[in-house]
Amino acid sequence: MDIQYLLFLQRFREAIGGALNDFFVQISDLSYGIFIWMLACIIFWAVDKKNGAFFFLNVAVSRFLMQLLKLTFCVYRPWIRSEQIVPVEKASGYSFPSGHSVTAASNYGTVLERYGRKHKPLGVFMAFMILLTMFSRNYIGVHTPQDVVIGAALGLAVVFLGAKAWQWIDEKPNRDYIVLCVGVVLTALFLVYISVKSYPMNYDAEGKLLVDPAKMKTDGYKDAGRFLGVTLGWFLERRFVRFSMDVSAVKKVTRCCVGVLLLIAYEKALTPAVTDAVGLSWIGFVLTFGELILLMVVYPFCFSLFDGKRGEKTAVQFS
């Protein structure tokens, strides 16, 4: 039935001559690329540090869990399951769950959870963007309905269970140490698991692997690096950096402008150059870990140096 649904959408795409293809590709890409880290950084550096930390943690945790599911179940993409499916553009790797849906739910869902209660139109718009992203992955033919539903459910579960978890953290001063230790242990176990487990080794008619496990493990290493980087970065900023938000609007805008340029340079220039030069799958772990430490610890430490101020210990609090 899931394939029949995708074929129905495919016939609709063909009937309108692909008029909506680019729109849904853009909606899809908006939830998964550099934009999500830009948004997290802007909130963290200039709007509300507590909510920004919560944003970082939700996205990193949800992507970490998404990779665990992808690399455990190893579900093939729709066009591999049925030759009738012709996607608008092909996506690499395994299909279940939808990474874009996971990230959209944790990304937009965090904004919904944090700001949607006081700003109803914003909350409705965020919910709409989650649903639209889910539909976009079906519309362009890269995921089945179950992929996007489970993906979105995972992302939202991280957001709303995470709210309870961070409330628990703030009840006693040293529980952030527990979070850090759990993050380190889970990262280590995950890296061992994806490195030693077996993967399907099926080939197409031309003798090419349907999905290359090495590529998928590389993606897993990257999100493991993000998970550990955010966990450690949050802890270090909370305990030692503690940059102040009590600065002028001009300084906050400057933080964001310089920081976004730094983020773009890291992702678009440094990361590809180092990856090509080293050529090892695990380098992705190092680069993504380093990126989050840069964004959450090193760059914010510069705020304290230039502003001559330090704020209170970062905590995610809920009313």
C-alpha atoms as a PDB file:
ATOM      1  CA  MET A   1       0.000   0.000   0.000  1.00  0.00           C
ATOM      2  CA  ASP A   2       2.864   2.384   0.732  1.00  0.00           C
ATOM      3  CA  ILE A   3       4.255   1.878  -2.765  1.00  0.00           C
ATOM      4  CA  GLN A   4       0.806   2.483  -4.252  1.00  0.00           C
ATOM      5  CA  TYR A   5       0.630   5.800  -2.392  1.00  0.00           C
ATOM      6  CA  LEU A   6       3.995   6.858  -3.788  1.00  0.00           C
ATOM      7  CA  LEU A   7       2.901   5.822  -7.280  1.00  0.00           C
ATOM      8  CA  PHE A   8      -0.235   7.949  -6.872  1.00  0.00           C
ATOM      9  CA  LEU A   9       1.919  10.972  -6.000  1.00  0.00           C
ATOM     10  CA  GLN A  10       4.232  10.138  -8.881  1.00  0.00           C
ATOM     11  CA  ARG A  11       1.339  10.134 -11.360  1.00  0.00           C
ATOM     12  CA  PHE A  12       0.208  13.481  -9.969  1.00  0.00           C
ATOM     13  CA  ARG A  13       3.721  14.905 -10.434  1.00  0.00           C
ATOM     14  CA  GLU A  14       3.733  13.730 -14.013  1.00  0.00           C
ATOM     15  CA  ALA A  15       0.228  15.078 -14.662  1.00  0.00           C
ATOM     16  CA  ILE A  16       1.257  18.624 -13.654  1.00  0.00           C
ATOM     17  CA  GLY A  17       4.579  18.407 -15.469  1.00  0.00           C
ATOM     18  CA  GLY A  18       6.730  18.538 -12.327  1.00  0.00           C
ATOM     19  CA  ALA A  19       5.565  22.072 -11.511  1.00  0.00           C
ATOM     20  CA  LEU A  20       5.876  21.518  -7.744  1.00  0.00           C
ATOM     21  CA  ASN A  21       9.053  19.444  -7.766  1.00  0.00           C
ATOM     22  CA  ASP A  22      11.492  22.246  -6.972  1.00  0.00           C
ATOM     23  CA  PHE A  23       9.237  23.631  -4.247  1.00  0.00           C
ATOM     24  CA  PHE A  24       9.073  20.344  -2.368  1.00  0.00           C
ATOM     25  CA  VAL A  25      12.793  19.712  -2.828  1.00  0.00           C
ATOM     26  CA  GLN A  26      13.498  23.106  -1.237  1.00  0.00           C
ATOM     27  CA  ILE A  27      11.062  22.435   1.631  1.00  0.00           C
ATOM     28  CA  SER A  28      12.783  19.118   2.202  1.00  0.00           C
ATOM     29  CA  ASP A  29      16.297  20.556   2.114  1.00  0.00           C
ATOM     30  CA  LEU A  30      15.372  23.376   4.493  1.00  0.00           C
ATOM     31  CA  SER A  31      14.998  20.924   7.363  1.00  0.00           C
ATOM     32  CA  TYR A  32      18.286  19.083   7.042  1.00  0.00           C
ATOM     33  CA  GLY A  33      21.173  21.279   5.954  1.00  0.00           C
ATOM     34  CA  ILE A  34      23.266  24.031   7.434  1.00  0.00           C
ATOM     35  CA  PHE A  35      20.146  26.095   8.133  1.00  0.00           C
ATOM     36  CA  ILE A  36      19.255  24.117  11.267  1.00  0.00           C
ATOM     37  CA  TRP A  37      22.636  24.809  12.843  1.00  0.00           C
ATOM     38  CA  MET A  38      22.401  28.487  11.874  1.00  0.00           C
ATOM     39  CA  LEU A  39      19.054  28.739  13.628  1.00  0.00           C
ATOM     40  CA  ALA A  40      20.361  26.953  16.715  1.00  0.00           C
ATOM     41  CA  CYS A  41      23.402  29.237  16.821  1.00  0.00           C
ATOM     42  CA  ILE A  42      21.400  32.448  16.467  1.00  0.00           C
ATOM     43  CA  ILE A  43      19.082  31.446  19.306  1.00  0.00           C
ATOM     44  CA  PHE A  44      22.017  30.288  21.452  1.00  0.00           C
ATOM     45  CA  TRP A  45      24.248  33.314  20.870  1.00  0.00           C
ATOM     46  CA  ALA A  46      21.757  36.144  20.747  1.00  0.00           C
ATOM     47  CA  VAL A  47      18.161  35.293  21.639  1.00  0.00           C
ATOM     48  CA  ASP A  48      17.967  32.899  24.591  1.00  0.00           C
ATOM     49  CA  LYS A  49      20.964  30.812  25.583  1.00  0.00           C
ATOM     50  CA  LYS A  50      18.911  28.269  27.517  1.00  0.00           C
ATOM     51  CA  ASN A  51      16.533  27.642  24.656  1.00  0.00           C
ATOM     52  CA  GLY A  52      19.441  27.609  22.207  1.00  0.00           C
ATOM     53  CA  ALA A  53      21.155  24.863  24.201  1.00  0.00           C
ATOM     54  CA  PHE A  54      17.874  22.954  24.245  1.00  0.00           C
ATOM     55  CA  PHE A  55      17.657  23.345  20.456  1.00  0.00           C
ATOM     56  CA  PHE A  56      21.180  22.002  19.920  1.00  0.00           C
ATOM     57  CA  LEU A  57      20.576  19.042  22.200  1.00  0.00           C
ATOM     58  CA  ASN A  58      17.263  18.064  20.627  1.00  0.00           C
ATOM     59  CA  VAL A  59      18.595  18.084  17.081  1.00  0.00           C
ATOM     60  CA  ALA A  60      21.767  16.187  18.020  1.00  0.00           C
ATOM     61  CA  VAL A  61      19.971  13.534  20.083  1.00  0.00           C
ATOM     62  CA  SER A  62      17.267  12.960  17.462  1.00  0.00           C
ATOM     63  CA  ARG A  63      19.822  12.590  14.663  1.00  0.00           C
ATOM     64  CA  PHE A  64      21.886  10.209  16.793  1.00  0.00           C
ATOM     65  CA  LEU A  65      18.837   7.997  17.400  1.00  0.00           C
ATOM     66  CA  MET A  66      17.856   8.251  13.735  1.00  0.00           C
ATOM     67  CA  GLN A  67      21.244   6.864  12.690  1.00  0.00           C
ATOM     68  CA  LEU A  68      20.899   4.055  15.219  1.00  0.00           C
ATOM     69  CA  LEU A  69      17.587   3.010  13.643  1.00  0.00           C
ATOM     70  CA  LYS A  70      18.798   3.421  10.067  1.00  0.00           C
ATOM     71  CA  LEU A  71      21.899   1.305  10.635  1.00  0.00           C
ATOM     72  CA  THR A  72      19.993  -1.308  12.630  1.00  0.00           C
ATOM     73  CA  PHE A  73      17.086  -1.962  10.249  1.00  0.00           C
ATOM     74  CA  CYS A  74      18.861  -1.201   6.928  1.00  0.00           C
ATOM     75  CA  VAL A  75      15.619  -0.635   4.987  1.00  0.00           C
ATOM     76  CA  TYR A  76      16.080  -0.001   1.273  1.00  0.00           C
ATOM     77  CA  ARG A  77      14.713   3.053  -0.541  1.00  0.00           C
ATOM     78  CA  PRO A  78      11.352   2.861  -2.364  1.00  0.00           C
ATOM     79  CA  TRP A  79      12.850   2.673  -5.877  1.00  0.00           C
ATOM     80  CA  ILE A  80      14.923  -0.332  -4.808  1.00  0.00           C
ATOM     81  CA  ARG A  81      11.809  -2.061  -3.525  1.00  0.00           C
ATOM     82  CA  SER A  82       9.855  -1.226  -6.693  1.00  0.00           C
ATOM     83  CA  GLU A  83      11.293  -0.354 -10.097  1.00  0.00           C
ATOM     84  CA  GLN A  84       8.088   1.582 -10.823  1.00  0.00           C
ATOM     85  CA  ILE A  85       9.153   4.331  -8.419  1.00  0.00           C
ATOM     86  CA  VAL A  86      11.052   7.140 -10.131  1.00  0.00           C
ATOM     87  CA  PRO A  87      12.018   9.772  -7.514  1.00  0.00           C
ATOM     88  CA  VAL A  88      12.463  13.446  -8.316  1.00  0.00           C
ATOM     89  CA  GLU A  89      15.990  13.105  -7.012  1.00  0.00           C
ATOM     90  CA  LYS A  90      17.651  10.080  -5.467  1.00  0.00           C
ATOM     91  CA  ALA A  91      18.798  10.050  -1.853  1.00  0.00           C
ATOM     92  CA  SER A  92      21.648   7.934  -0.588  1.00  0.00           C
ATOM     93  CA  GLY A  93      21.613   5.322   2.132  1.00  0.00           C
ATOM     94  CA  TYR A  94      18.812   3.560   3.933  1.00  0.00           C
ATOM     95  CA  SER A  95      15.214   4.698   4.047  1.00  0.00           C
ATOM     96  CA  PHE A  96      13.883   4.074   7.566  1.00  0.00           C
ATOM     97  CA  PRO A  97      13.331   6.392   9.328  1.00  0.00           C
ATOM     98  CA  SER A  98      13.305   9.608   7.321  1.00  0.00           C
ATOM     99  CA  GLY A  99      16.197  11.746   8.516  1.00  0.00           C
ATOM    100  CA  HIS A 100      14.598  14.908   7.160  1.00  0.00           C
ATOM    101  CA  SER A 101      11.392  14.178   9.068  1.00  0.00           C
ATOM    102  CA  VAL A 102      13.342  13.467  12.262  1.00  0.00           C
ATOM    103  CA  THR A 103      15.275  16.711  11.978  1.00  0.00           C
ATOM    104  CA  ALA A 104      12.239  18.771  10.966  1.00  0.00           C
ATOM    105  CA  ALA A 105      10.308  17.480  13.970  1.00  0.00           C
ATOM    106  CA  SER A 106      13.144  18.178  16.414  1.00  0.00           C
ATOM    107  CA  ASN A 107      13.998  21.506  14.746  1.00  0.00           C
ATOM    108  CA  TYR A 108      10.540  22.999  14.230  1.00  0.00           C
ATOM    109  CA  GLY A 109       9.231  21.051  17.214  1.00  0.00           C
ATOM    110  CA  THR A 110      11.675  22.774  19.549  1.00  0.00           C
ATOM    111  CA  VAL A 111      10.500  26.191  18.368  1.00  0.00           C
ATOM    112  CA  LEU A 112       6.915  24.988  18.803  1.00  0.00           C
ATOM    113  CA  GLU A 113       7.540  23.695  22.328  1.00  0.00           C
ATOM    114  CA  ARG A 114       9.519  26.737  23.462  1.00  0.00           C
ATOM    115  CA  TYR A 115       7.634  29.577  21.807  1.00  0.00           C
ATOM    116  CA  GLY A 116       4.371  28.148  20.448  1.00  0.00           C
ATOM    117  CA  ARG A 117       2.420  28.507  23.671  1.00  0.00           C
ATOM    118  CA  LYS A 118       2.871  32.267  23.830  1.00  0.00           C
ATOM    119  CA  HIS A 119       2.818  32.808  20.074  1.00  0.00           C
ATOM    120  CA  LYS A 120       0.010  30.663  18.697  1.00  0.00           C
ATOM    121  CA  PRO A 121       0.481  31.591  15.006  1.00  0.00           C
ATOM    122  CA  LEU A 122       4.163  30.638  15.248  1.00  0.00           C
ATOM    123  CA  GLY A 123       3.238  27.321  16.840  1.00  0.00           C
ATOM    124  CA  VAL A 124       0.717  26.556  14.106  1.00  0.00           C
ATOM    125  CA  PHE A 125       3.269  27.447  11.442  1.00  0.00           C
ATOM    126  CA  MET A 126       5.910  25.181  13.003  1.00  0.00           C
ATOM    127  CA  ALA A 127       3.440  22.275  13.123  1.00  0.00           C
ATOM    128  CA  PHE A 128       2.553  22.962   9.485  1.00  0.00           C
ATOM    129  CA  MET A 129       6.259  22.914   8.507  1.00  0.00           C
ATOM    130  CA  ILE A 130       6.712  19.505  10.142  1.00  0.00           C
ATOM    131  CA  LEU A 131       3.769  18.079   8.199  1.00  0.00           C
ATOM    132  CA  LEU A 132       4.885  19.762   4.979  1.00  0.00           C
ATOM    133  CA  THR A 133       8.389  18.343   5.320  1.00  0.00           C
ATOM    134  CA  MET A 134       7.007  14.875   5.925  1.00  0.00           C
ATOM    135  CA  PHE A 135       4.808  15.138   2.837  1.00  0.00           C
ATOM    136  CA  SER A 136       7.676  16.507   0.753  1.00  0.00           C
ATOM    137  CA  ARG A 137       9.728  13.340   1.329  1.00  0.00           C
ATOM    138  CA  ASN A 138       6.821  11.258   0.048  1.00  0.00           C
ATOM    139  CA  TYR A 139       6.084  13.645  -2.808  1.00  0.00           C
ATOM    140  CA  ILE A 140       9.599  13.512  -4.248  1.00  0.00           C
ATOM    141  CA  GLY A 141       9.584   9.735  -3.882  1.00  0.00           C
ATOM    142  CA  VAL A 142      12.445   9.104  -1.482  1.00  0.00           C
ATOM    143  CA  HIS A 143      10.529   7.814   1.560  1.00  0.00           C
ATOM    144  CA  THR A 144       7.456   5.750   2.352  1.00  0.00           C
ATOM    145  CA  PRO A 145       4.699   7.014   4.689  1.00  0.00           C
ATOM    146  CA  GLN A 146       5.961   4.840   7.542  1.00  0.00           C
ATOM    147  CA  ASP A 147       9.447   6.327   7.137  1.00  0.00           C
ATOM    148  CA  VAL A 148       8.196   9.879   7.652  1.00  0.00           C
ATOM    149  CA  VAL A 149       5.644   9.096  10.374  1.00  0.00           C
ATOM    150  CA  ILE A 150       8.142   7.218  12.540  1.00  0.00           C
ATOM    151  CA  GLY A 151      10.795   9.846  11.808  1.00  0.00           C
ATOM    152  CA  ALA A 152       8.581  12.724  12.910  1.00  0.00           C
ATOM    153  CA  ALA A 153       7.385  10.777  15.960  1.00  0.00           C
ATOM    154  CA  LEU A 154      11.002  10.192  16.979  1.00  0.00           C
ATOM    155  CA  GLY A 155      11.901  13.858  16.620  1.00  0.00           C
ATOM    156  CA  LEU A 156       8.879  15.047  18.586  1.00  0.00           C
ATOM    157  CA  ALA A 157       9.450  12.446  21.287  1.00  0.00           C
ATOM    158  CA  VAL A 158      12.980  13.750  21.777  1.00  0.00           C
ATOM    159  CA  VAL A 159      11.658  17.319  22.109  1.00  0.00           C
ATOM    160  CA  PHE A 160       8.922  16.621  24.640  1.00  0.00           C
ATOM    161  CA  LEU A 161      10.734  13.939  26.631  1.00  0.00           C
ATOM    162  CA  GLY A 162      13.832  16.116  26.513  1.00  0.00           C
ATOM    163  CA  ALA A 163      11.884  18.913  28.198  1.00  0.00           C
ATOM    164  CA  LYS A 164      11.189  16.579  31.124  1.00  0.00           C
ATOM    165  CA  ALA A 165      14.802  15.411  31.189  1.00  0.00           C
ATOM    166  CA  TRP A 166      16.254  18.926  31.372  1.00  0.00           C
ATOM    167  CA  GLN A 167      13.766  19.814  34.074  1.00  0.00           C
ATOM    168  CA  TRP A 168      15.172  16.869  36.027  1.00  0.00           C
ATOM    169  CA  ILE A 169      18.730  18.099  35.401  1.00  0.00           C
ATOM    170  CA  ASP A 170      18.008  21.482  36.941  1.00  0.00           C
ATOM    171  CA  GLU A 171      16.568  20.031  40.131  1.00  0.00           C
ATOM    172  CA  LYS A 172      20.081  19.263  41.412  1.00  0.00           C
ATOM    173  CA  PRO A 173      23.287  21.122  40.514  1.00  0.00           C
ATOM    174  CA  ASN A 174      25.509  18.217  39.476  1.00  0.00           C
ATOM    175  CA  ARG A 175      23.202  16.191  37.265  1.00  0.00           C
ATOM    176  CA  ASP A 176      24.839  17.660  34.181  1.00  0.00           C
ATOM    177  CA  TYR A 177      27.791  15.376  34.990  1.00  0.00           C
ATOM    178  CA  ILE A 178      25.448  12.408  34.617  1.00  0.00           C
ATOM    179  CA  VAL A 179      24.314  13.684  31.221  1.00  0.00           C
ATOM    180  CA  LEU A 180      27.917  14.078  30.091  1.00  0.00           C
ATOM    181  CA  CYS A 181      28.879  10.574  31.242  1.00  0.00           C
ATOM    182  CA  VAL A 182      25.823   9.033  29.581  1.00  0.00           C
ATOM    183  CA  GLY A 183      26.623  10.909  26.358  1.00  0.00           C
ATOM    184  CA  VAL A 184      30.216   9.646  26.315  1.00  0.00           C
ATOM    185  CA  VAL A 185      29.185   6.043  27.023  1.00  0.00           C
ATOM    186  CA  LEU A 186      26.395   6.038  24.439  1.00  0.00           C
ATOM    187  CA  THR A 187      28.716   7.497  21.805  1.00  0.00           C
ATOM    188  CA  ALA A 188      31.343   4.842  22.466  1.00  0.00           C
ATOM    189  CA  LEU A 189      28.804   2.009  22.359  1.00  0.00           C
ATOM    190  CA  PHE A 190      27.269   3.387  19.168  1.00  0.00           C
ATOM    191  CA  LEU A 191      30.624   3.658  17.406  1.00  0.00           C
ATOM    192  CA  VAL A 192      31.528   0.087  18.325  1.00  0.00           C
ATOM    193  CA  TYR A 193      28.093  -1.180  17.296  1.00  0.00           C
ATOM    194  CA  ILE A 194      28.013   0.381  13.829  1.00  0.00           C
ATOM    195  CA  SER A 195      31.632  -0.591  13.205  1.00  0.00           C
ATOM    196  CA  VAL A 196      31.277  -4.302  13.957  1.00  0.00           C
ATOM    197  CA  LYS A 197      27.686  -5.143  12.970  1.00  0.00           C
ATOM    198  CA  SER A 198      26.889  -6.820   9.655  1.00  0.00           C
ATOM    199  CA  TYR A 199      25.101  -5.037   6.810  1.00  0.00           C
ATOM    200  CA  PRO A 200      23.166  -6.248   3.748  1.00  0.00           C
ATOM    201  CA  MET A 201      25.470  -6.762   0.777  1.00  0.00           C
ATOM    202  CA  ASN A 202      23.026  -6.878  -2.130  1.00  0.00           C
ATOM    203  CA  TYR A 203      23.953  -5.877  -5.686  1.00  0.00           C
ATOM    204  CA  ASP A 204      22.038  -4.499  -8.656  1.00  0.00           C
ATOM    205  CA  ALA A 205      22.088  -5.879 -12.195  1.00  0.00           C
ATOM    206  CA  GLU A 206      25.288  -3.955 -12.934  1.00  0.00           C
ATOM    207  CA  GLY A 207      27.089  -5.471  -9.963  1.00  0.00           C
ATOM    208  CA  LYS A 208      26.984  -2.338  -7.804  1.00  0.00           C
ATOM    209  CA  LEU A 209      26.039  -2.382  -4.140  1.00  0.00           C
ATOM    210  CA  LEU A 210      22.478  -1.224  -3.613  1.00  0.00           C
ATOM    211  CA  VAL A 211      23.642   0.603  -0.485  1.00  0.00           C
ATOM    212  CA  ASP A 212      27.292   0.913   0.477  1.00  0.00           C
ATOM    213  CA  PRO A 213      27.638   0.168   4.221  1.00  0.00           C
ATOM    214  CA  ALA A 214      30.859   2.171   4.349  1.00  0.00           C
ATOM    215  CA  LYS A 215      28.995   5.316   3.305  1.00  0.00           C
ATOM    216  CA  MET A 216      26.274   4.681   5.866  1.00  0.00           C
ATOM    217  CA  LYS A 217      28.795   4.090   8.633  1.00  0.00           C
ATOM    218  CA  THR A 218      30.460   7.368   7.684  1.00  0.00           C
ATOM    219  CA  ASP A 219      27.131   9.168   8.123  1.00  0.00           C
ATOM    220  CA  GLY A 220      26.762   7.445  11.484  1.00  0.00           C
ATOM    221  CA  TYR A 221      30.213   8.632  12.577  1.00  0.00           C
ATOM    222  CA  LYS A 222      29.253  12.211  11.670  1.00  0.00           C
ATOM    223  CA  ASP A 223      26.093  12.247  13.758  1.00  0.00           C
ATOM    224  CA  ALA A 224      27.901  10.524  16.618  1.00  0.00           C
ATOM    225  CA  GLY A 225      30.419  13.379  16.495  1.00  0.00           C
ATOM    226  CA  ARG A 226      27.584  15.907  16.596  1.00  0.00           C
ATOM    227  CA  PHE A 227      25.951  14.115  19.525  1.00  0.00           C
ATOM    228  CA  LEU A 228      29.145  14.023  21.579  1.00  0.00           C
ATOM    229  CA  GLY A 229      30.103  17.552  20.529  1.00  0.00           C
ATOM    230  CA  VAL A 230      26.773  19.001  21.633  1.00  0.00           C
ATOM    231  CA  THR A 231      26.760  17.046  24.902  1.00  0.00           C
ATOM    232  CA  LEU A 232      30.288  18.102  25.813  1.00  0.00           C
ATOM    233  CA  GLY A 233      29.840  21.610  24.418  1.00  0.00           C
ATOM    234  CA  TRP A 234      26.699  22.202  26.471  1.00  0.00           C
ATOM    235  CA  PHE A 235      28.466  20.952  29.593  1.00  0.00           C
ATOM    236  CA  LEU A 236      31.597  23.059  29.102  1.00  0.00           C
ATOM    237  CA  GLU A 237      29.674  26.233  28.335  1.00  0.00           C
ATOM    238  CA  ARG A 238      27.356  25.674  31.284  1.00  0.00           C
ATOM    239  CA  ARG A 239      30.204  24.984  33.717  1.00  0.00           C
ATOM    240  CA  PHE A 240      33.126  27.092  32.536  1.00  0.00           C
ATOM    241  CA  VAL A 241      32.434  29.523  29.684  1.00  0.00           C
ATOM    242  CA  ARG A 242      29.097  31.009  30.779  1.00  0.00           C
ATOM    243  CA  PHE A 243      29.033  33.838  28.270  1.00  0.00           C
ATOM    244  CA  SER A 244      26.689  36.700  29.054  1.00  0.00           C
ATOM    245  CA  MET A 245      23.527  37.581  27.164  1.00  0.00           C
ATOM    246  CA  ASP A 246      23.454  40.984  28.875  1.00  0.00           C
ATOM    247  CA  VAL A 247      24.983  42.862  25.940  1.00  0.00           C
ATOM    248  CA  SER A 248      23.732  45.375  23.408  1.00  0.00           C
ATOM    249  CA  ALA A 249      21.685  44.448  20.352  1.00  0.00           C
ATOM    250  CA  VAL A 250      24.582  45.553  18.149  1.00  0.00           C
ATOM    251  CA  LYS A 251      26.904  43.063  19.835  1.00  0.00           C
ATOM    252  CA  LYS A 252      24.347  40.287  19.480  1.00  0.00           C
ATOM    253  CA  VAL A 253      23.922  40.998  15.771  1.00  0.00           C
ATOM    254  CA  THR A 254      27.708  41.053  15.367  1.00  0.00           C
ATOM    255  CA  ARG A 255      27.980  37.709  17.155  1.00  0.00           C
ATOM    256  CA  CYS A 256      25.496  36.184  14.744  1.00  0.00           C
ATOM    257  CA  CYS A 257      26.949  37.663  11.562  1.00  0.00           C
ATOM    258  CA  VAL A 258      30.525  36.656  12.356  1.00  0.00           C
ATOM    259  CA  GLY A 259      29.464  33.278  13.716  1.00  0.00           C
ATOM    260  CA  VAL A 260      27.323  32.374  10.712  1.00  0.00           C
ATOM    261  CA  LEU A 261      30.232  33.210   8.403  1.00  0.00           C
ATOM    262  CA  LEU A 262      32.427  31.001  10.570  1.00  0.00           C
ATOM    263  CA  LEU A 263      29.893  28.172  10.346  1.00  0.00           C
ATOM    264  CA  ILE A 264      29.655  28.464   6.548  1.00  0.00           C
ATOM    265  CA  ALA A 265      33.438  28.499   6.180  1.00  0.00           C
ATOM    266  CA  TYR A 266      33.744  25.419   8.398  1.00  0.00           C
ATOM    267  CA  GLU A 267      31.086  23.404   6.561  1.00  0.00           C
ATOM    268  CA  LYS A 268      31.660  24.557   2.992  1.00  0.00           C
ATOM    269  CA  ALA A 269      35.443  24.983   2.914  1.00  0.00           C
ATOM    270  CA  LEU A 270      37.292  23.346   5.806  1.00  0.00           C
ATOM    271  CA  THR A 271      35.243  20.142   6.087  1.00  0.00           C
ATOM    272  CA  PRO A 272      35.419  19.180   2.377  1.00  0.00           C
ATOM    273  CA  ALA A 273      39.138  20.041   2.213  1.00  0.00           C
ATOM    274  CA  VAL A 274      40.044  17.942   5.266  1.00  0.00           C
ATOM    275  CA  THR A 275      37.769  15.070   4.205  1.00  0.00           C
ATOM    276  CA  ASP A 276      39.352  14.919   0.745  1.00  0.00           C
ATOM    277  CA  ALA A 277      42.875  15.197   2.130  1.00  0.00           C
ATOM    278  CA  VAL A 278      42.519  12.548   4.837  1.00  0.00           C
ATOM    279  CA  GLY A 279      40.118  10.204   3.058  1.00  0.00           C
ATOM    280  CA  LEU A 280      39.184   8.211   6.145  1.00  0.00           C
ATOM    281  CA  SER A 281      35.618   7.461   7.211  1.00  0.00           C
ATOM    282  CA  TRP A 282      36.181   8.361  10.870  1.00  0.00           C
ATOM    283  CA  ILE A 283      37.380  11.878  10.032  1.00  0.00           C
ATOM    284  CA  GLY A 284      33.713  12.862   9.800  1.00  0.00           C
ATOM    285  CA  PHE A 285      33.384  12.158  13.519  1.00  0.00           C
ATOM    286  CA  VAL A 286      36.320  14.442  14.312  1.00  0.00           C
ATOM    287  CA  LEU A 287      35.072  17.241  12.076  1.00  0.00           C
ATOM    288  CA  THR A 288      31.486  17.301  13.330  1.00  0.00           C
ATOM    289  CA  PHE A 289      32.648  17.011  16.933  1.00  0.00           C
ATOM    290  CA  GLY A 290      35.046  19.896  16.397  1.00  0.00           C
ATOM    291  CA  GLU A 291      32.368  21.979  14.694  1.00  0.00           C
ATOM    292  CA  LEU A 292      29.982  21.788  17.656  1.00  0.00           C
ATOM    293  CA  ILE A 293      32.758  22.506  20.160  1.00  0.00           C
ATOM    294  CA  LEU A 294      33.672  25.546  18.076  1.00  0.00           C
ATOM    295  CA  LEU A 295      30.073  26.797  17.948  1.00  0.00           C
ATOM    296  CA  MET A 296      29.170  26.094  21.576  1.00  0.00           C
ATOM    297  CA  VAL A 297      32.437  26.610  23.452  1.00  0.00           C
ATOM    298  CA  VAL A 298      35.321  28.234  21.566  1.00  0.00           C
ATOM    299  CA  TYR A 299      33.416  30.980  19.790  1.00  0.00           C
ATOM    300  CA  PRO A 300      31.244  31.824  22.841  1.00  0.00           C
ATOM    301  CA  PHE A 301      34.423  31.990  24.958  1.00  0.00           C
ATOM    302  CA  CYS A 302      35.471  34.849  22.688  1.00  0.00           C
ATOM    303  CA  PHE A 303      32.319  36.693  23.761  1.00  0.00           C
ATOM    304  CA  SER A 304      33.471  36.582  27.370  1.00  0.00           C
ATOM    305  CA  LEU A 305      36.933  37.850  26.410  1.00  0.00           C
ATOM    306  CA  PHE A 306      35.657  40.787  24.376  1.00  0.00           C
ATOM    307  CA  ASP A 307      32.661  41.653  26.586  1.00  0.00           C
ATOM    308  CA  GLY A 308      34.435  41.175  29.897  1.00  0.00           C
ATOM    309  CA  LYS A 309      31.297  39.503  31.251  1.00  0.00           C
ATOM    310  CA  ARG A 310      30.220  36.050  32.299  1.00  0.00           C
ATOM    311  CA  GLY A 311      26.651  34.920  32.802  1.00  0.00           C
ATOM    312  CA  GLU A 312      25.034  32.432  35.099  1.00  0.00           C
ATOM    313  CA  LYS A 313      25.405  28.689  34.653  1.00  0.00           C
ATOM    314  CA  THR A 314      23.428  27.583  31.602  1.00  0.00           C
ATOM    315  CA  ALA A 315      20.316  25.599  32.460  1.00  0.00           C
ATOM    316  CA  VAL A 316      17.280  24.706  30.455  1.00  0.00           C
ATOM    317  CA  GLN A 317      14.372  25.683  32.636  1.00  0.00           C
ATOM    318  CA  PHE A 318      10.670  25.287  32.037  1.00  0.00           C
ATOM    319  CA  SER A 319       7.719  27.102  33.506  1.00  0.00           C
END
